[in-house]
Structure formats: C-alpha cells, structure tokens
Amino acid sequence: MQASSNPVPAPGRPFAVKEQIMLGIIICGHGGFASGMEQAMLQILGEQEAVVAIDFPESSTTALLQDQCETALTQVERGDGVVFLTDLLGGTPFRVASTLALRQPGREVVTGTNLQLLLEMVMERGELTPSQFREQALCCGHRGLTSLVDELARERAETLAEEGI
C-alpha cells in the first residue's frame, strides 16, 4: 500500500483550505504599449493566466476600445476582481477603463504602468484583493522609478552603514 503524500488532519481539526485569488489584469494603452508590455512579461515570466493586452492604435476609436475592454472583462473575470493597468493618466485607455471600473465593485484602475510594476504585480496578485493590488502597485511603480546616480548613492550609503562608517 502506497502512503499518501497528503497529510491527514487530526480528528475534529480539519485543514483550513486557503483559496487562491485570481485577479484578472487588463493592460491597456496607446499605440503598441499594451502588447509590448505583454510581450516583455511573456519573455520574463512566461504565459500568465487571466491577463489580456489591448492596444489603442491611432486608427482606433473610443467606442471600439470600450467594446474590446468589455470583451476582455469577460475573458479575465474569475470572481475575484479585475485591475486595469493603463499607460497615461487622462488618456482614452484610462478614461475607458475608469468608466468600466466604476460600473461594478471589485474593479480598479492603475495608471502610469511600467514593466517593473507589471511583473511584480502579476506575481503578487494571487494574495491580494483589488484594492490591495492597487495600493501595492502604486508603491511598486514608485520604487521602480529611479536613476543610476540615485542607485549608486543608495548602494554607497548601504556599504558605509554595513562598515559602521
């Protein structure tokens, strides 16, 4: 008889089963922003479930973008919420995403998306509610915006602190 690899709970003490949250993510932006972000994500992380990219080329219209976003919502919604990641505050992708987010609880919009934000948040989303995702994404996006001079100064300060100087 083969032993089970699943542990058995003590009598009267069932295991608490923690369900995995699966937030849907819709990346949306001007030109090829969304597909470019998606391609970079695929190259670094591989295929990701419940992530859709929607480009807004110059030849598109607001109505078409809205239809595409509504279709994407049906593709990524798993019951735990959806987060729109857009490129530019006040741009058409942001405004369309905002309109759709305000129609139903459990939807959030984050704008100013960068690759660091996308990668970190795709990996973290299984443990976050939509509002927690939004808050953490803003911190992540700010953390990812730096410069070489600032990073060298930070590393130098850390080295001096470690040496007790």
Protein backbone atom coordinates (compact mmCIF):
# COMPACT_ATOMS: atom_id res chain seq x y z
CA MET A 1 0.00 0.00 0.00
CA GLN A 2 1.40 3.36 -1.02
CA ALA A 3 1.48 6.12 1.57
CA SER A 4 -0.44 9.25 0.71
CA SER A 5 1.58 12.41 0.24
CA ASN A 6 -1.35 14.43 1.61
CA PRO A 7 -1.21 14.96 5.37
CA VAL A 8 -4.24 13.90 7.37
CA PRO A 9 -5.77 16.41 9.80
CA ALA A 10 -6.14 15.48 13.44
CA PRO A 11 -9.66 14.28 14.33
CA GLY A 12 -12.00 17.23 14.75
CA ARG A 13 -9.44 19.66 13.30
CA PRO A 14 -9.98 19.94 9.55
CA PHE A 15 -7.42 21.79 7.46
CA ALA A 16 -8.31 25.32 6.53
CA VAL A 17 -8.22 25.48 2.77
CA LYS A 18 -6.99 28.84 1.54
CA GLU A 19 -8.37 29.53 -1.90
CA GLN A 20 -6.09 31.21 -4.39
CA ILE A 21 -7.31 34.62 -5.51
CA MET A 22 -7.12 35.15 -9.25
CA LEU A 23 -7.42 38.81 -10.13
CA GLY A 24 -7.84 39.46 -13.81
CA ILE A 25 -5.48 42.00 -15.36
CA ILE A 26 -6.19 44.10 -18.44
CA ILE A 27 -3.23 46.06 -19.82
CA CYS A 28 -4.40 48.94 -21.99
CA GLY A 29 -2.53 51.80 -23.61
CA HIS A 30 -1.77 53.96 -26.61
CA GLY A 31 -0.10 52.56 -29.70
CA GLY A 32 1.58 49.22 -29.01
CA PHE A 33 2.10 49.89 -25.29
CA ALA A 34 -0.08 47.02 -24.06
CA SER A 35 1.18 44.35 -26.45
CA GLY A 36 4.77 45.47 -25.80
CA MET A 37 4.28 45.12 -22.04
CA GLU A 38 2.61 41.74 -22.53
CA GLN A 39 5.46 40.51 -24.76
CA ALA A 40 8.08 41.59 -22.22
CA MET A 41 6.09 39.87 -19.45
CA LEU A 42 5.90 36.66 -21.50
CA GLN A 43 9.65 36.76 -22.15
CA ILE A 44 10.45 37.14 -18.45
CA LEU A 45 7.65 35.25 -16.65
CA GLY A 46 6.15 33.02 -19.32
CA GLU A 47 2.45 32.58 -20.03
CA GLN A 48 0.15 34.10 -17.39
CA GLU A 49 -3.48 33.23 -16.77
CA ALA A 50 -6.18 35.93 -16.88
CA VAL A 51 -4.02 38.67 -18.42
CA VAL A 52 -5.15 40.44 -21.59
CA ALA A 53 -3.43 43.26 -23.50
CA ILE A 54 -5.40 45.80 -25.53
CA ASP A 55 -3.60 48.26 -27.77
CA PHE A 56 -5.17 51.58 -28.74
CA PRO A 57 -3.64 52.48 -32.13
CA GLU A 58 -4.19 55.86 -33.72
CA SER A 59 -6.64 54.30 -36.18
CA SER A 60 -8.93 53.03 -33.38
CA THR A 61 -11.93 54.73 -31.76
CA THR A 62 -13.11 55.15 -28.20
CA ALA A 63 -16.18 53.00 -28.93
CA LEU A 64 -14.05 50.18 -30.31
CA LEU A 65 -11.70 50.35 -27.31
CA GLN A 66 -14.68 50.17 -24.96
CA ASP A 67 -16.01 47.09 -26.79
CA GLN A 68 -12.56 45.46 -26.61
CA CYS A 69 -12.30 46.19 -22.87
CA GLU A 70 -15.79 44.80 -22.22
CA THR A 71 -14.84 41.62 -24.10
CA ALA A 72 -11.59 41.40 -22.13
CA LEU A 73 -13.52 41.67 -18.87
CA THR A 74 -15.45 38.52 -19.76
CA GLN A 75 -12.16 36.75 -20.52
CA VAL A 76 -10.30 37.61 -17.30
CA GLU A 77 -13.04 37.86 -14.67
CA ARG A 78 -12.82 34.90 -12.27
CA GLY A 79 -14.95 36.36 -9.47
CA ASP A 80 -12.08 37.94 -7.52
CA GLY A 81 -11.94 41.26 -9.36
CA VAL A 82 -10.17 42.90 -12.27
CA VAL A 83 -7.44 45.52 -12.40
CA PHE A 84 -6.85 47.71 -15.44
CA LEU A 85 -3.22 48.77 -15.92
CA THR A 86 -3.10 51.80 -18.23
CA ASP A 87 -0.32 53.95 -19.62
CA LEU A 88 -1.33 57.58 -19.21
CA LEU A 89 -3.49 59.48 -16.72
CA GLY A 90 -6.36 61.15 -18.57
CA GLY A 91 -5.77 59.32 -21.86
CA THR A 92 -8.52 57.44 -23.66
CA PRO A 93 -7.46 53.99 -22.34
CA PHE A 94 -7.51 55.38 -18.78
CA ARG A 95 -10.93 57.02 -19.27
CA VAL A 96 -12.49 53.89 -20.79
CA ALA A 97 -11.03 51.70 -18.03
CA SER A 98 -12.28 54.14 -15.39
CA THR A 99 -15.81 54.09 -16.80
CA LEU A 100 -15.87 50.29 -16.74
CA ALA A 101 -14.30 50.11 -13.27
CA LEU A 102 -16.90 52.43 -11.78
CA ARG A 103 -19.75 50.24 -13.03
CA GLN A 104 -19.01 47.35 -10.71
CA PRO A 105 -17.29 46.84 -7.33
CA GLY A 106 -14.05 44.86 -7.38
CA ARG A 107 -12.53 46.71 -10.31
CA GLU A 108 -9.55 49.04 -10.03
CA VAL A 109 -7.54 51.22 -12.41
CA VAL A 110 -3.81 51.91 -12.05
CA THR A 111 -2.16 54.30 -14.49
CA GLY A 112 1.45 55.12 -15.28
CA THR A 113 2.18 51.40 -15.60
CA ASN A 114 5.81 50.36 -16.05
CA LEU A 115 7.36 46.94 -16.59
CA GLN A 116 8.56 46.53 -13.01
CA LEU A 117 5.04 47.21 -11.74
CA LEU A 118 3.51 44.73 -14.19
CA LEU A 119 5.96 41.92 -13.41
CA GLU A 120 5.83 42.26 -9.64
CA MET A 121 2.08 42.63 -9.52
CA VAL A 122 1.39 39.67 -11.81
CA MET A 123 3.43 37.54 -9.41
CA GLU A 124 1.76 39.00 -6.29
CA ARG A 125 -1.87 39.10 -7.42
CA GLY A 126 -2.77 35.67 -6.03
CA GLU A 127 -2.71 37.04 -2.50
CA LEU A 128 -4.37 40.43 -2.97
CA THR A 129 -7.81 41.95 -3.23
CA PRO A 130 -8.30 44.53 -5.99
CA SER A 131 -7.83 47.45 -3.58
CA GLN A 132 -4.72 45.87 -2.03
CA PHE A 133 -3.39 45.31 -5.55
CA ARG A 134 -3.94 49.00 -6.36
CA GLU A 135 -2.13 50.17 -3.22
CA GLN A 136 0.80 47.80 -3.69
CA ALA A 137 1.05 48.61 -7.42
CA LEU A 138 1.45 52.31 -6.68
CA CYS A 139 4.29 51.60 -4.23
CA CYS A 140 5.89 49.20 -6.70
CA GLY A 141 5.69 51.67 -9.57
CA HIS A 142 7.31 54.41 -7.49
CA ARG A 143 10.03 52.04 -6.28
CA GLY A 144 10.84 51.10 -9.87
CA LEU A 145 11.35 54.71 -10.93
CA THR A 146 14.94 55.67 -10.10
CA SER A 147 18.22 56.69 -11.72
CA LEU A 148 21.77 55.36 -11.89
CA VAL A 149 23.09 58.21 -9.72
CA ASP A 150 20.44 57.56 -7.06
CA GLU A 151 21.08 53.80 -7.05
CA LEU A 152 24.86 54.27 -6.76
CA ALA A 153 24.35 56.72 -3.88
CA ARG A 154 21.99 54.27 -2.14
CA GLU A 155 24.46 51.39 -2.56
CA ARG A 156 27.31 53.56 -1.25
CA ALA A 157 25.25 54.58 1.80
CA GLU A 158 24.37 50.92 2.48
CA THR A 159 28.03 49.89 2.21
CA LEU A 160 29.11 52.63 4.60
CA ALA A 161 26.38 51.66 7.06
CA GLU A 162 27.44 47.99 6.92
CA GLU A 163 31.05 49.02 7.61
CA GLY A 164 29.91 51.16 10.54
CA ILE A 165 31.09 54.39 8.99
